N, C-alpha and C. Protein backbone atom coordinates (compact mmCIF):
# COMPACT_ATOMS: atom_id res chain seq x y z
N MET A 1 -1.30 -1.66 6.12
CA MET A 1 -2.57 -1.39 5.48
C MET A 1 -3.57 -0.97 6.55
N ASN A 2 -4.24 0.15 6.31
CA ASN A 2 -5.27 0.62 7.22
C ASN A 2 -6.64 0.40 6.59
N ILE A 3 -7.52 -0.20 7.35
CA ILE A 3 -8.90 -0.43 6.91
C ILE A 3 -9.82 0.36 7.82
N ILE A 4 -10.72 1.14 7.20
CA ILE A 4 -11.75 1.82 7.97
C ILE A 4 -13.10 1.42 7.41
N GLU A 5 -14.12 1.52 8.21
CA GLU A 5 -15.46 1.18 7.75
C GLU A 5 -16.32 2.44 7.75
N ILE A 6 -16.92 2.72 6.61
CA ILE A 6 -17.80 3.87 6.43
C ILE A 6 -19.08 3.35 5.79
N ASP A 7 -20.20 3.63 6.42
CA ASP A 7 -21.51 3.23 5.88
C ASP A 7 -21.55 1.75 5.50
N GLY A 8 -20.92 0.92 6.31
CA GLY A 8 -20.95 -0.52 6.08
C GLY A 8 -19.98 -1.03 5.04
N LYS A 9 -19.19 -0.14 4.44
CA LYS A 9 -18.20 -0.55 3.44
C LYS A 9 -16.81 -0.43 4.03
N GLN A 10 -15.95 -1.39 3.71
CA GLN A 10 -14.57 -1.35 4.16
C GLN A 10 -13.71 -0.64 3.13
N LEU A 11 -12.99 0.37 3.59
CA LEU A 11 -12.11 1.15 2.74
C LEU A 11 -10.67 0.86 3.13
N GLU A 12 -9.85 0.50 2.15
CA GLU A 12 -8.43 0.29 2.37
C GLU A 12 -7.74 1.63 2.10
N VAL A 13 -7.30 2.30 3.14
CA VAL A 13 -6.70 3.62 3.02
C VAL A 13 -5.29 3.51 2.47
N LEU A 14 -5.03 4.21 1.37
CA LEU A 14 -3.72 4.20 0.74
C LEU A 14 -2.89 5.40 1.18
N THR A 15 -3.52 6.56 1.24
CA THR A 15 -2.83 7.76 1.70
C THR A 15 -3.85 8.85 2.00
N ALA A 16 -3.41 9.82 2.76
CA ALA A 16 -4.20 11.02 3.04
C ALA A 16 -3.27 12.21 2.82
N PHE A 17 -3.82 13.32 2.33
CA PHE A 17 -3.02 14.51 2.12
C PHE A 17 -3.89 15.75 2.23
N GLU A 18 -3.23 16.89 2.33
CA GLU A 18 -3.91 18.18 2.45
C GLU A 18 -3.51 19.04 1.26
N ASN A 19 -4.45 19.80 0.75
CA ASN A 19 -4.18 20.73 -0.33
C ASN A 19 -5.06 21.96 -0.13
N ASN A 20 -4.44 23.12 -0.03
CA ASN A 20 -5.18 24.38 0.15
C ASN A 20 -6.17 24.33 1.30
N GLY A 21 -5.76 23.73 2.40
CA GLY A 21 -6.60 23.70 3.59
C GLY A 21 -7.69 22.64 3.59
N LYS A 22 -7.72 21.82 2.56
CA LYS A 22 -8.74 20.77 2.46
C LYS A 22 -8.05 19.41 2.54
N ASN A 23 -8.65 18.47 3.26
CA ASN A 23 -8.08 17.14 3.45
C ASN A 23 -8.67 16.14 2.46
N TYR A 24 -7.81 15.23 1.99
CA TYR A 24 -8.22 14.21 1.01
C TYR A 24 -7.78 12.84 1.48
N LEU A 25 -8.58 11.84 1.13
CA LEU A 25 -8.30 10.46 1.47
C LEU A 25 -8.35 9.65 0.19
N VAL A 26 -7.26 8.93 -0.11
CA VAL A 26 -7.20 8.05 -1.28
C VAL A 26 -7.33 6.63 -0.75
N TYR A 27 -8.24 5.86 -1.33
CA TYR A 27 -8.54 4.53 -0.80
C TYR A 27 -9.06 3.61 -1.89
N LYS A 28 -9.08 2.32 -1.56
CA LYS A 28 -9.69 1.31 -2.42
C LYS A 28 -10.95 0.83 -1.71
N VAL A 29 -12.01 0.71 -2.48
CA VAL A 29 -13.25 0.13 -1.97
C VAL A 29 -13.78 -0.81 -3.06
N ASP A 30 -14.09 -2.02 -2.67
CA ASP A 30 -14.54 -3.04 -3.62
C ASP A 30 -13.56 -3.20 -4.78
N GLY A 31 -12.24 -3.05 -4.49
CA GLY A 31 -11.20 -3.24 -5.48
C GLY A 31 -10.97 -2.06 -6.41
N GLU A 32 -11.72 -0.96 -6.23
CA GLU A 32 -11.56 0.20 -7.10
C GLU A 32 -10.95 1.36 -6.35
N LEU A 33 -10.05 2.08 -7.02
CA LEU A 33 -9.40 3.24 -6.44
C LEU A 33 -10.38 4.40 -6.41
N SER A 34 -10.41 5.12 -5.29
CA SER A 34 -11.30 6.27 -5.16
C SER A 34 -10.64 7.31 -4.27
N CYS A 35 -11.23 8.48 -4.25
CA CYS A 35 -10.73 9.57 -3.41
C CYS A 35 -11.91 10.43 -2.99
N SER A 36 -11.84 10.92 -1.78
CA SER A 36 -12.86 11.83 -1.25
C SER A 36 -12.17 12.90 -0.44
N SER A 37 -12.82 14.05 -0.34
CA SER A 37 -12.35 15.01 0.65
C SER A 37 -12.97 14.56 1.97
N TYR A 38 -12.38 14.98 3.07
CA TYR A 38 -12.92 14.55 4.35
C TYR A 38 -12.78 15.59 5.43
N GLU A 39 -13.65 15.47 6.42
CA GLU A 39 -13.59 16.26 7.64
C GLU A 39 -13.57 15.27 8.79
N LEU A 40 -12.78 15.57 9.78
CA LEU A 40 -12.70 14.71 10.96
C LEU A 40 -13.20 15.51 12.15
N THR A 41 -14.40 15.18 12.58
CA THR A 41 -14.97 15.80 13.78
C THR A 41 -15.05 14.68 14.80
N ASN A 42 -16.22 14.39 15.30
CA ASN A 42 -16.39 13.23 16.17
C ASN A 42 -16.35 11.95 15.35
N GLU A 43 -16.53 12.09 14.06
CA GLU A 43 -16.47 10.96 13.13
C GLU A 43 -15.87 11.43 11.82
N LEU A 44 -15.53 10.48 10.98
CA LEU A 44 -14.96 10.79 9.67
C LEU A 44 -16.10 11.03 8.69
N ILE A 45 -16.12 12.20 8.07
CA ILE A 45 -17.16 12.54 7.10
C ILE A 45 -16.52 12.70 5.73
N LEU A 46 -16.90 11.81 4.80
CA LEU A 46 -16.37 11.85 3.44
C LEU A 46 -17.31 12.65 2.54
N SER A 47 -16.73 13.42 1.63
CA SER A 47 -17.51 14.19 0.66
C SER A 47 -17.00 13.89 -0.74
N LYS A 48 -17.91 13.85 -1.69
CA LYS A 48 -17.52 13.58 -3.08
C LYS A 48 -16.74 14.74 -3.66
N ILE A 49 -15.81 14.40 -4.52
CA ILE A 49 -15.08 15.41 -5.29
C ILE A 49 -15.87 15.59 -6.58
N GLU A 50 -16.29 16.83 -6.84
CA GLU A 50 -17.18 17.04 -7.98
C GLU A 50 -16.59 17.90 -9.10
N SER A 51 -15.63 18.77 -8.79
CA SER A 51 -15.12 19.65 -9.84
C SER A 51 -13.98 18.98 -10.61
N ASP A 52 -13.89 19.32 -11.88
CA ASP A 52 -12.81 18.79 -12.73
C ASP A 52 -11.44 19.26 -12.23
N GLU A 53 -11.38 20.49 -11.74
CA GLU A 53 -10.11 21.04 -11.23
C GLU A 53 -9.63 20.24 -10.02
N GLU A 54 -10.56 19.91 -9.13
CA GLU A 54 -10.19 19.15 -7.93
C GLU A 54 -9.74 17.74 -8.32
N TRP A 55 -10.44 17.10 -9.26
CA TRP A 55 -10.04 15.77 -9.71
C TRP A 55 -8.66 15.81 -10.36
N ALA A 56 -8.37 16.84 -11.13
CA ALA A 56 -7.06 16.96 -11.78
C ALA A 56 -5.96 17.07 -10.72
N MET A 57 -6.20 17.84 -9.66
CA MET A 57 -5.22 17.98 -8.58
C MET A 57 -5.01 16.64 -7.89
N VAL A 58 -6.10 15.92 -7.61
CA VAL A 58 -6.01 14.61 -6.94
C VAL A 58 -5.25 13.62 -7.82
N GLU A 59 -5.56 13.57 -9.10
CA GLU A 59 -4.87 12.66 -10.00
C GLU A 59 -3.38 12.98 -10.08
N ALA A 60 -3.03 14.26 -10.08
CA ALA A 60 -1.60 14.65 -10.09
C ALA A 60 -0.92 14.21 -8.80
N LYS A 61 -1.61 14.34 -7.69
CA LYS A 61 -1.04 13.94 -6.40
C LYS A 61 -0.83 12.43 -6.35
N ILE A 62 -1.80 11.66 -6.83
CA ILE A 62 -1.67 10.20 -6.86
C ILE A 62 -0.49 9.80 -7.75
N LYS A 63 -0.38 10.44 -8.91
CA LYS A 63 0.74 10.16 -9.83
C LYS A 63 2.06 10.47 -9.15
N GLU A 64 2.12 11.59 -8.43
CA GLU A 64 3.33 11.99 -7.70
C GLU A 64 3.70 10.94 -6.64
N LEU A 65 2.72 10.43 -5.93
CA LEU A 65 2.95 9.43 -4.89
C LEU A 65 3.42 8.10 -5.46
N VAL A 66 2.88 7.74 -6.62
CA VAL A 66 3.25 6.48 -7.26
C VAL A 66 4.68 6.53 -7.78
N GLU A 67 5.12 7.70 -8.22
CA GLU A 67 6.46 7.85 -8.78
C GLU A 67 7.56 7.86 -7.72
N VAL A 68 7.20 8.07 -6.46
CA VAL A 68 8.21 8.15 -5.39
C VAL A 68 8.81 6.82 -5.11
């Protein structure tokens, strides 16, 4: 289990993956499953996923990972 701290919150990282040149991080925070896109420069920068298409892709990827 990997734990990272972002903005004072501890995130339990479940998996990371890339899709169409964009990086995603799936994690639990406060017991809830979440996902963000991310950039890794000098620090980890998380961005919200806002489009329905992007959420559908993320949900399909999570389902694929759970079925393995």
